[in-house]
Amino acid sequence: MKMNDSIFIRKEQEIDNTEINTLYTNSFGPGRYAKSAFRYREKYDHLIDISQVLICHNKLIGSVRFWNILVNNKKSLLLGPIVMHRDYRGQGFGKRLLKDSILNCKNLGHNLIILVGDLSYYSKIGFKRIGQKKILFEGPVNYERVLYIEFNKSIIEHSADIKINKFID
């Protein structure tokens, strides 16, 4: 995969919302609202200032969004969903979008990103399982799929129990 003038990553903008929602509908269907991770997103806006999109030939083909959450009462991020147009999957675009977005979060001073997903995919980007720690999560979740990347190793690494809550302003 080669990024150039016709393929690039940029910050999400308000005008992207319709295209992103179409990608979500085509990729995940209405079942996405039933997932436990959605409990952290409902009634809250994502962080548009750090969420990003992938543009190919002036067409939005991918998106990754971030949401404020609390992990052990410390401000953290929930990643997701990430979505890629079906015609562009398997070409490395999703990984590039994730890597760029995660580096952006790190550079902006964020310490911890949580997601629910497949370790086989996300470990290539640096995510790890929370492991044998007790996890308190809103709703049912397969704890083997709760993954994290932590830059300062102060929340997950130094805690026996992990409590993930909604972020309340």
N, C-alpha and C. Protein backbone atom coordinates (compact mmCIF):
# COMPACT_ATOMS: atom_id res chain seq x y z
N MET A 1 0.83 -1.17 0.00
CA MET A 1 0.00 0.00 0.00
C MET A 1 0.87 1.24 0.00
N LYS A 2 0.54 2.15 -0.83
CA LYS A 2 1.31 3.39 -0.92
C LYS A 2 0.37 4.56 -0.73
N MET A 3 0.70 5.42 0.24
CA MET A 3 -0.08 6.63 0.45
C MET A 3 0.49 7.71 -0.46
N ASN A 4 -0.38 8.45 -1.12
CA ASN A 4 0.05 9.53 -1.99
C ASN A 4 -1.02 10.62 -1.98
N ASP A 5 -0.97 11.51 -2.94
CA ASP A 5 -1.94 12.61 -2.98
C ASP A 5 -3.37 12.13 -3.13
N SER A 6 -3.58 11.00 -3.76
CA SER A 6 -4.94 10.50 -3.97
C SER A 6 -5.40 9.57 -2.85
N ILE A 7 -4.49 9.14 -1.97
CA ILE A 7 -4.82 8.30 -0.82
C ILE A 7 -4.16 8.92 0.40
N PHE A 8 -4.98 9.41 1.33
CA PHE A 8 -4.42 10.08 2.50
C PHE A 8 -5.36 9.99 3.70
N ILE A 9 -4.80 10.24 4.87
CA ILE A 9 -5.53 10.24 6.13
C ILE A 9 -5.65 11.68 6.60
N ARG A 10 -6.84 12.03 7.10
CA ARG A 10 -7.05 13.36 7.65
C ARG A 10 -8.01 13.26 8.83
N LYS A 11 -8.11 14.36 9.57
CA LYS A 11 -9.06 14.43 10.68
C LYS A 11 -10.47 14.32 10.13
N GLU A 12 -11.31 13.65 10.91
CA GLU A 12 -12.73 13.61 10.55
C GLU A 12 -13.30 15.02 10.63
N GLN A 13 -14.28 15.29 9.76
CA GLN A 13 -14.99 16.56 9.75
C GLN A 13 -16.49 16.27 9.86
N GLU A 14 -17.25 17.25 10.32
CA GLU A 14 -18.71 17.08 10.46
C GLU A 14 -19.35 16.60 9.16
N ILE A 15 -18.89 17.09 8.03
CA ILE A 15 -19.49 16.73 6.74
C ILE A 15 -19.28 15.25 6.39
N ASP A 16 -18.39 14.56 7.10
CA ASP A 16 -18.12 13.14 6.83
C ASP A 16 -19.14 12.20 7.45
N ASN A 17 -19.96 12.71 8.35
CA ASN A 17 -20.83 11.86 9.16
C ASN A 17 -21.74 10.94 8.34
N THR A 18 -22.37 11.46 7.30
CA THR A 18 -23.28 10.65 6.49
C THR A 18 -22.54 9.49 5.82
N GLU A 19 -21.37 9.78 5.24
CA GLU A 19 -20.59 8.72 4.59
C GLU A 19 -20.11 7.68 5.59
N ILE A 20 -19.70 8.12 6.76
CA ILE A 20 -19.24 7.20 7.79
C ILE A 20 -20.39 6.31 8.25
N ASN A 21 -21.55 6.90 8.48
CA ASN A 21 -22.70 6.10 8.89
C ASN A 21 -23.11 5.09 7.83
N THR A 22 -22.96 5.45 6.57
CA THR A 22 -23.24 4.50 5.48
C THR A 22 -22.24 3.33 5.53
N LEU A 23 -20.96 3.63 5.77
CA LEU A 23 -19.96 2.56 5.92
C LEU A 23 -20.33 1.64 7.08
N TYR A 24 -20.73 2.23 8.21
CA TYR A 24 -21.11 1.42 9.38
C TYR A 24 -22.29 0.52 9.05
N THR A 25 -23.31 1.08 8.42
CA THR A 25 -24.50 0.29 8.09
C THR A 25 -24.15 -0.85 7.15
N ASN A 26 -23.35 -0.57 6.12
CA ASN A 26 -22.98 -1.60 5.15
C ASN A 26 -22.07 -2.66 5.75
N SER A 27 -21.25 -2.29 6.73
CA SER A 27 -20.29 -3.23 7.30
C SER A 27 -20.83 -4.00 8.51
N PHE A 28 -21.57 -3.32 9.38
CA PHE A 28 -21.97 -3.93 10.65
C PHE A 28 -23.46 -4.15 10.79
N GLY A 29 -24.27 -3.44 10.01
CA GLY A 29 -25.72 -3.57 10.12
C GLY A 29 -26.24 -3.08 11.46
N PRO A 30 -27.52 -3.31 11.73
CA PRO A 30 -28.11 -2.82 12.98
C PRO A 30 -27.60 -3.56 14.22
N GLY A 31 -26.96 -4.70 14.05
CA GLY A 31 -26.44 -5.47 15.18
C GLY A 31 -25.37 -4.73 15.96
N ARG A 32 -24.79 -3.68 15.36
CA ARG A 32 -23.74 -2.94 16.05
C ARG A 32 -24.26 -2.26 17.30
N TYR A 33 -25.55 -1.95 17.34
CA TYR A 33 -26.13 -1.27 18.51
C TYR A 33 -26.31 -2.22 19.69
N ALA A 34 -26.26 -3.51 19.46
CA ALA A 34 -26.47 -4.48 20.53
C ALA A 34 -25.17 -4.84 21.25
N LYS A 35 -24.04 -4.46 20.71
CA LYS A 35 -22.76 -4.83 21.31
C LYS A 35 -22.52 -4.03 22.59
N SER A 36 -21.89 -4.68 23.55
CA SER A 36 -21.62 -4.02 24.84
C SER A 36 -20.77 -2.76 24.69
N ALA A 37 -19.83 -2.75 23.77
CA ALA A 37 -18.99 -1.57 23.58
C ALA A 37 -19.84 -0.36 23.19
N PHE A 38 -20.98 -0.61 22.55
CA PHE A 38 -21.85 0.50 22.17
C PHE A 38 -22.41 1.23 23.39
N ARG A 39 -22.53 0.53 24.52
CA ARG A 39 -23.03 1.17 25.77
C ARG A 39 -22.17 2.37 26.14
N TYR A 40 -20.90 2.32 25.84
CA TYR A 40 -20.00 3.43 26.15
C TYR A 40 -20.15 4.60 25.18
N ARG A 41 -20.75 4.32 24.03
CA ARG A 41 -20.88 5.34 22.99
C ARG A 41 -22.24 6.02 22.99
N GLU A 42 -23.28 5.29 23.41
CA GLU A 42 -24.61 5.86 23.29
C GLU A 42 -24.77 7.10 24.17
N LYS A 43 -25.47 8.08 23.63
CA LYS A 43 -25.75 9.35 24.28
C LYS A 43 -24.52 10.27 24.39
N TYR A 44 -23.41 9.88 23.79
CA TYR A 44 -22.20 10.70 23.82
C TYR A 44 -21.68 10.88 22.41
N ASP A 45 -21.04 11.99 22.18
CA ASP A 45 -20.41 12.22 20.88
C ASP A 45 -18.98 11.68 20.91
N HIS A 46 -18.55 11.18 19.77
CA HIS A 46 -17.16 10.76 19.66
C HIS A 46 -16.26 12.00 19.63
N LEU A 47 -14.99 11.78 19.76
CA LEU A 47 -14.02 12.87 19.79
C LEU A 47 -13.59 13.17 18.36
N ILE A 48 -14.31 14.07 17.72
CA ILE A 48 -14.06 14.36 16.31
C ILE A 48 -12.67 14.95 16.10
N ASP A 49 -12.11 15.60 17.13
CA ASP A 49 -10.80 16.24 16.97
C ASP A 49 -9.65 15.23 16.88
N ILE A 50 -9.88 13.97 17.28
CA ILE A 50 -8.83 12.95 17.12
C ILE A 50 -9.27 11.79 16.25
N SER A 51 -10.55 11.74 15.87
CA SER A 51 -11.03 10.70 14.97
C SER A 51 -10.54 11.01 13.56
N GLN A 52 -10.29 9.96 12.78
CA GLN A 52 -9.69 10.18 11.46
C GLN A 52 -10.42 9.39 10.38
N VAL A 53 -10.23 9.83 9.14
CA VAL A 53 -10.80 9.14 7.99
C VAL A 53 -9.70 8.90 6.95
N LEU A 54 -9.94 7.92 6.12
CA LEU A 54 -9.04 7.60 5.01
C LEU A 54 -9.76 7.95 3.72
N ILE A 55 -9.10 8.75 2.91
CA ILE A 55 -9.67 9.23 1.65
C ILE A 55 -8.89 8.60 0.49
N CYS A 56 -9.61 8.09 -0.48
CA CYS A 56 -8.99 7.52 -1.68
C CYS A 56 -9.70 8.11 -2.89
N HIS A 57 -8.96 8.83 -3.71
CA HIS A 57 -9.52 9.47 -4.91
C HIS A 57 -10.78 10.26 -4.56
N ASN A 58 -10.68 11.09 -3.54
CA ASN A 58 -11.76 11.96 -3.08
C ASN A 58 -12.98 11.23 -2.53
N LYS A 59 -12.82 9.94 -2.21
CA LYS A 59 -13.92 9.16 -1.63
C LYS A 59 -13.51 8.68 -0.24
N LEU A 60 -14.38 8.87 0.73
CA LEU A 60 -14.11 8.41 2.08
C LEU A 60 -14.27 6.89 2.10
N ILE A 61 -13.18 6.18 2.42
CA ILE A 61 -13.24 4.71 2.38
C ILE A 61 -12.99 4.07 3.75
N GLY A 62 -12.62 4.87 4.74
CA GLY A 62 -12.36 4.31 6.06
C GLY A 62 -12.50 5.34 7.15
N SER A 63 -12.77 4.85 8.36
CA SER A 63 -12.95 5.74 9.50
C SER A 63 -12.54 5.02 10.78
N VAL A 64 -11.96 5.78 11.69
CA VAL A 64 -11.72 5.29 13.05
C VAL A 64 -12.12 6.41 13.99
N ARG A 65 -12.91 6.03 15.01
CA ARG A 65 -13.40 7.01 15.98
C ARG A 65 -12.93 6.66 17.38
N PHE A 66 -12.85 7.69 18.21
CA PHE A 66 -12.45 7.54 19.61
C PHE A 66 -13.48 8.20 20.50
N TRP A 67 -13.64 7.62 21.70
CA TRP A 67 -14.61 8.09 22.69
C TRP A 67 -13.91 8.19 24.03
N ASN A 68 -14.27 9.18 24.81
CA ASN A 68 -13.77 9.28 26.18
C ASN A 68 -14.39 8.18 27.04
N ILE A 69 -13.56 7.52 27.83
CA ILE A 69 -14.02 6.58 28.86
C ILE A 69 -13.14 6.78 30.08
N LEU A 70 -13.49 6.12 31.14
CA LEU A 70 -12.67 6.09 32.34
C LEU A 70 -12.21 4.66 32.58
N VAL A 71 -10.94 4.49 32.82
CA VAL A 71 -10.41 3.18 33.20
C VAL A 71 -9.74 3.38 34.55
N ASN A 72 -10.28 2.70 35.55
CA ASN A 72 -9.83 2.90 36.93
C ASN A 72 -9.83 4.38 37.30
N ASN A 73 -10.91 5.04 36.89
CA ASN A 73 -11.14 6.47 37.16
C ASN A 73 -10.14 7.41 36.50
N LYS A 74 -9.40 6.93 35.52
CA LYS A 74 -8.45 7.76 34.77
C LYS A 74 -8.98 7.94 33.35
N LYS A 75 -8.90 9.16 32.85
CA LYS A 75 -9.38 9.46 31.50
C LYS A 75 -8.61 8.61 30.49
N SER A 76 -9.36 7.90 29.65
CA SER A 76 -8.79 7.01 28.65
C SER A 76 -9.64 7.11 27.38
N LEU A 77 -9.27 6.33 26.37
CA LEU A 77 -10.00 6.35 25.10
C LEU A 77 -10.53 4.96 24.77
N LEU A 78 -11.71 4.93 24.18
CA LEU A 78 -12.26 3.72 23.59
C LEU A 78 -12.14 3.88 22.08
N LEU A 79 -11.49 2.95 21.43
CA LEU A 79 -11.32 2.99 19.98
C LEU A 79 -12.47 2.22 19.35
N GLY A 80 -13.03 2.81 18.34
CA GLY A 80 -13.98 2.06 17.56
C GLY A 80 -15.31 2.79 17.39
N PRO A 81 -15.99 2.33 16.45
CA PRO A 81 -15.52 1.28 15.55
C PRO A 81 -14.56 1.83 14.48
N ILE A 82 -13.77 0.90 14.00
CA ILE A 82 -12.99 1.20 12.80
C ILE A 82 -13.73 0.51 11.66
N VAL A 83 -13.83 1.18 10.55
CA VAL A 83 -14.56 0.61 9.42
C VAL A 83 -13.82 0.94 8.13
N MET A 84 -13.84 0.00 7.22
CA MET A 84 -13.20 0.17 5.91
C MET A 84 -14.19 -0.29 4.84
N HIS A 85 -14.29 0.46 3.78
CA HIS A 85 -15.14 0.07 2.66
C HIS A 85 -14.72 -1.32 2.18
N ARG A 86 -15.68 -2.16 1.91
CA ARG A 86 -15.38 -3.57 1.57
C ARG A 86 -14.44 -3.72 0.38
N ASP A 87 -14.46 -2.81 -0.56
CA ASP A 87 -13.60 -2.92 -1.74
C ASP A 87 -12.12 -2.65 -1.43
N TYR A 88 -11.84 -2.11 -0.23
CA TYR A 88 -10.47 -1.74 0.13
C TYR A 88 -9.91 -2.56 1.29
N ARG A 89 -10.65 -3.55 1.73
CA ARG A 89 -10.19 -4.39 2.84
C ARG A 89 -9.07 -5.33 2.38
N GLY A 90 -8.22 -5.69 3.33
CA GLY A 90 -7.15 -6.64 3.05
C GLY A 90 -5.97 -6.06 2.28
N GLN A 91 -5.92 -4.74 2.16
CA GLN A 91 -4.84 -4.09 1.41
C GLN A 91 -3.92 -3.27 2.30
N GLY A 92 -4.14 -3.34 3.62
CA GLY A 92 -3.29 -2.61 4.54
C GLY A 92 -3.78 -1.22 4.91
N PHE A 93 -4.87 -0.78 4.31
CA PHE A 93 -5.37 0.56 4.60
C PHE A 93 -5.84 0.70 6.04
N GLY A 94 -6.55 -0.32 6.56
CA GLY A 94 -7.04 -0.27 7.93
C GLY A 94 -5.90 -0.18 8.94
N LYS A 95 -4.86 -0.97 8.73
CA LYS A 95 -3.69 -0.92 9.62
C LYS A 95 -3.03 0.44 9.58
N ARG A 96 -2.90 0.99 8.39
CA ARG A 96 -2.28 2.32 8.27
C ARG A 96 -3.11 3.37 8.99
N LEU A 97 -4.42 3.31 8.83
CA LEU A 97 -5.31 4.25 9.51
C LEU A 97 -5.20 4.10 11.02
N LEU A 98 -5.18 2.86 11.50
CA LEU A 98 -5.04 2.62 12.94
C LEU A 98 -3.71 3.13 13.47
N LYS A 99 -2.62 2.78 12.80
CA LYS A 99 -1.29 3.21 13.26
C LYS A 99 -1.20 4.73 13.32
N ASP A 100 -1.67 5.39 12.29
CA ASP A 100 -1.62 6.84 12.25
C ASP A 100 -2.48 7.44 13.37
N SER A 101 -3.66 6.90 13.58
CA SER A 101 -4.57 7.41 14.60
C SER A 101 -4.02 7.19 16.00
N ILE A 102 -3.44 6.04 16.25
CA ILE A 102 -2.88 5.74 17.57
C ILE A 102 -1.68 6.63 17.86
N LEU A 103 -0.82 6.82 16.88
CA LEU A 103 0.32 7.72 17.05
C LEU A 103 -0.16 9.14 17.32
N ASN A 104 -1.20 9.56 16.63
CA ASN A 104 -1.78 10.88 16.87
C ASN A 104 -2.27 11.01 18.31
N CYS A 105 -2.96 9.98 18.82
CA CYS A 105 -3.44 10.00 20.21
C CYS A 105 -2.27 10.08 21.19
N LYS A 106 -1.24 9.30 20.94
CA LYS A 106 -0.06 9.32 21.80
C LYS A 106 0.59 10.71 21.79
N ASN A 107 0.76 11.28 20.60
CA ASN A 107 1.39 12.59 20.47
C ASN A 107 0.57 13.70 21.14
N LEU A 108 -0.74 13.48 21.26
CA LEU A 108 -1.61 14.46 21.91
C LEU A 108 -1.67 14.26 23.43
N GLY A 109 -0.92 13.27 23.94
CA GLY A 109 -0.83 13.08 25.38
C GLY A 109 -1.78 12.06 25.98
N HIS A 110 -2.52 11.34 25.15
CA HIS A 110 -3.39 10.29 25.67
C HIS A 110 -2.52 9.10 26.10
N ASN A 111 -2.92 8.42 27.17
CA ASN A 111 -2.11 7.35 27.72
C ASN A 111 -2.62 5.95 27.40
N LEU A 112 -3.93 5.77 27.36
CA LEU A 112 -4.50 4.42 27.27
C LEU A 112 -5.62 4.39 26.26
N ILE A 113 -5.59 3.36 25.39
CA ILE A 113 -6.67 3.12 24.43
C ILE A 113 -7.15 1.69 24.65
N ILE A 114 -8.47 1.54 24.78
CA ILE A 114 -9.12 0.24 24.96
C ILE A 114 -9.94 -0.04 23.71
N LEU A 115 -10.07 -1.31 23.35
CA LEU A 115 -11.00 -1.71 22.30
C LEU A 115 -11.45 -3.13 22.56
N VAL A 116 -12.51 -3.53 21.89
CA VAL A 116 -12.97 -4.91 21.92
C VAL A 116 -12.80 -5.43 20.51
N GLY A 117 -11.91 -6.43 20.35
CA GLY A 117 -11.62 -6.93 19.01
C GLY A 117 -10.75 -8.16 19.03
N ASP A 118 -10.32 -8.57 17.85
CA ASP A 118 -9.53 -9.78 17.67
C ASP A 118 -8.05 -9.51 17.89
N LEU A 119 -7.46 -10.23 18.83
CA LEU A 119 -6.04 -10.06 19.13
C LEU A 119 -5.18 -10.34 17.90
N SER A 120 -5.56 -11.31 17.09
CA SER A 120 -4.74 -11.66 15.92
C SER A 120 -4.55 -10.47 14.98
N TYR A 121 -5.52 -9.60 14.88
CA TYR A 121 -5.42 -8.41 14.04
C TYR A 121 -4.75 -7.26 14.79
N TYR A 122 -5.27 -6.94 15.97
CA TYR A 122 -4.83 -5.74 16.68
C TYR A 122 -3.45 -5.88 17.33
N SER A 123 -2.99 -7.10 17.56
CA SER A 123 -1.65 -7.26 18.14
C SER A 123 -0.57 -6.78 17.17
N LYS A 124 -0.85 -6.80 15.89
CA LYS A 124 0.10 -6.33 14.88
C LYS A 124 0.33 -4.82 14.99
N ILE A 125 -0.58 -4.15 15.69
CA ILE A 125 -0.48 -2.71 15.87
C ILE A 125 0.01 -2.37 17.27
N GLY A 126 0.13 -3.38 18.13
CA GLY A 126 0.65 -3.15 19.47
C GLY A 126 -0.32 -3.39 20.61
N PHE A 127 -1.55 -3.77 20.32
CA PHE A 127 -2.52 -4.04 21.36
C PHE A 127 -2.25 -5.38 22.04
N LYS A 128 -2.60 -5.45 23.33
CA LYS A 128 -2.44 -6.67 24.12
C LYS A 128 -3.74 -6.97 24.84
N ARG A 129 -3.88 -8.24 25.24
CA ARG A 129 -5.00 -8.61 26.11
C ARG A 129 -4.75 -8.05 27.50
N ILE A 130 -5.83 -7.72 28.15
CA ILE A 130 -5.70 -7.28 29.53
C ILE A 130 -5.22 -8.44 30.38
N GLY A 131 -5.53 -9.65 29.97
CA GLY A 131 -4.97 -10.82 30.64
C GLY A 131 -5.82 -11.33 31.78
N GLN A 132 -5.16 -11.77 32.82
CA GLN A 132 -5.82 -12.44 33.93
C GLN A 132 -6.43 -11.49 34.95
N LYS A 133 -6.45 -10.24 34.67
CA LYS A 133 -6.99 -9.26 35.61
C LYS A 133 -8.52 -9.31 35.58
N LYS A 134 -9.12 -8.96 36.69
CA LYS A 134 -10.57 -8.88 36.76
C LYS A 134 -11.01 -7.62 36.02
N ILE A 135 -11.95 -7.75 35.08
CA ILE A 135 -12.41 -6.63 34.28
C ILE A 135 -13.88 -6.38 34.58
N LEU A 136 -14.22 -5.15 34.91
CA LEU A 136 -15.61 -4.74 35.09
C LEU A 136 -15.97 -3.91 33.86
N PHE A 137 -16.90 -4.42 33.06
CA PHE A 137 -17.24 -3.83 31.76
C PHE A 137 -18.76 -3.68 31.71
N GLU A 138 -19.26 -2.61 31.10
CA GLU A 138 -20.70 -2.41 30.97
C GLU A 138 -21.27 -3.44 30.01
N GLY A 139 -22.04 -4.37 30.52
CA GLY A 139 -22.67 -5.38 29.69
C GLY A 139 -21.76 -6.57 29.47
N PRO A 140 -22.32 -7.61 28.88
CA PRO A 140 -21.53 -8.82 28.64
C PRO A 140 -20.47 -8.61 27.56
N VAL A 141 -19.30 -9.18 27.80
CA VAL A 141 -18.21 -9.06 26.84
C VAL A 141 -17.31 -10.28 27.00
N ASN A 142 -16.73 -10.71 25.91
CA ASN A 142 -15.72 -11.76 25.96
C ASN A 142 -14.42 -11.09 26.41
N TYR A 143 -14.00 -11.36 27.63
CA TYR A 143 -12.85 -10.67 28.20
C TYR A 143 -11.55 -10.94 27.44
N GLU A 144 -11.50 -12.00 26.68
CA GLU A 144 -10.32 -12.27 25.84
C GLU A 144 -10.21 -11.25 24.70
N ARG A 145 -11.31 -10.57 24.40
CA ARG A 145 -11.33 -9.60 23.30
C ARG A 145 -11.15 -8.17 23.77
N VAL A 146 -11.05 -7.95 25.09
CA VAL A 146 -10.82 -6.60 25.61
C VAL A 146 -9.31 -6.37 25.54
N LEU A 147 -8.92 -5.46 24.66
CA LEU A 147 -7.51 -5.22 24.35
C LEU A 147 -7.14 -3.79 24.71
N TYR A 148 -5.84 -3.56 24.86
CA TYR A 148 -5.39 -2.22 25.20
C TYR A 148 -4.00 -1.96 24.64
N ILE A 149 -3.72 -0.67 24.53
CA ILE A 149 -2.38 -0.19 24.28
C ILE A 149 -2.19 0.98 25.25
N GLU A 150 -1.10 0.92 26.00
CA GLU A 150 -0.85 1.92 27.03
C GLU A 150 0.54 2.49 26.82
N PHE A 151 0.63 3.80 26.80
CA PHE A 151 1.90 4.45 26.48
C PHE A 151 2.77 4.70 27.70
N ASN A 152 2.17 4.97 28.85
CA ASN A 152 2.96 5.26 30.05
C ASN A 152 2.91 4.14 31.08
N LYS A 153 2.25 3.04 30.76
CA LYS A 153 2.20 1.84 31.60
C LYS A 153 1.80 2.13 33.04
N SER A 154 0.81 2.99 33.24
CA SER A 154 0.45 3.36 34.60
C SER A 154 -0.94 2.92 35.02
N ILE A 155 -1.82 2.57 34.10
CA ILE A 155 -3.19 2.21 34.48
C ILE A 155 -3.38 0.70 34.46
N ILE A 156 -3.22 0.08 33.32
CA ILE A 156 -3.43 -1.37 33.20
C ILE A 156 -2.29 -2.14 33.85
N GLU A 157 -1.08 -1.77 33.50
CA GLU A 157 0.10 -2.52 33.96
C GLU A 157 0.22 -2.56 35.48
N HIS A 158 -0.23 -1.52 36.18
CA HIS A 158 -0.05 -1.44 37.62
C HIS A 158 -1.33 -1.69 38.41
N SER A 159 -2.34 -2.33 37.80
CA SER A 159 -3.61 -2.56 38.48
C SER A 159 -3.98 -4.04 38.44
N ALA A 160 -4.52 -4.53 39.54
CA ALA A 160 -4.99 -5.92 39.60
C ALA A 160 -6.38 -6.04 38.97
N ASP A 161 -7.22 -5.05 39.20
CA ASP A 161 -8.58 -5.03 38.67
C ASP A 161 -8.71 -3.86 37.70
N ILE A 162 -9.52 -4.05 36.68
CA ILE A 162 -9.72 -3.02 35.67
C ILE A 162 -11.21 -2.69 35.61
N LYS A 163 -11.54 -1.46 35.90
CA LYS A 163 -12.93 -1.00 35.86
C LYS A 163 -13.06 0.02 34.74
N ILE A 164 -13.91 -0.31 33.75
CA ILE A 164 -14.11 0.54 32.59
C ILE A 164 -15.49 1.16 32.70
N ASN A 165 -15.53 2.49 32.75
CA ASN A 165 -16.78 3.22 32.90
C ASN A 165 -16.94 4.25 31.79
N LYS A 166 -18.19 4.70 31.64
CA LYS A 166 -18.45 5.83 30.76
C LYS A 166 -17.78 7.05 31.33
N PHE A 167 -17.38 7.94 30.45
CA PHE A 167 -16.81 9.22 30.87
C PHE A 167 -17.96 10.19 30.98
N ILE A 168 -18.10 10.79 32.15
CA ILE A 168 -19.16 11.78 32.38
C ILE A 168 -18.48 13.14 32.52
N ASP A 169 -18.91 14.09 31.68
CA ASP A 169 -18.33 15.44 31.75
C ASP A 169 -18.56 16.07 33.10
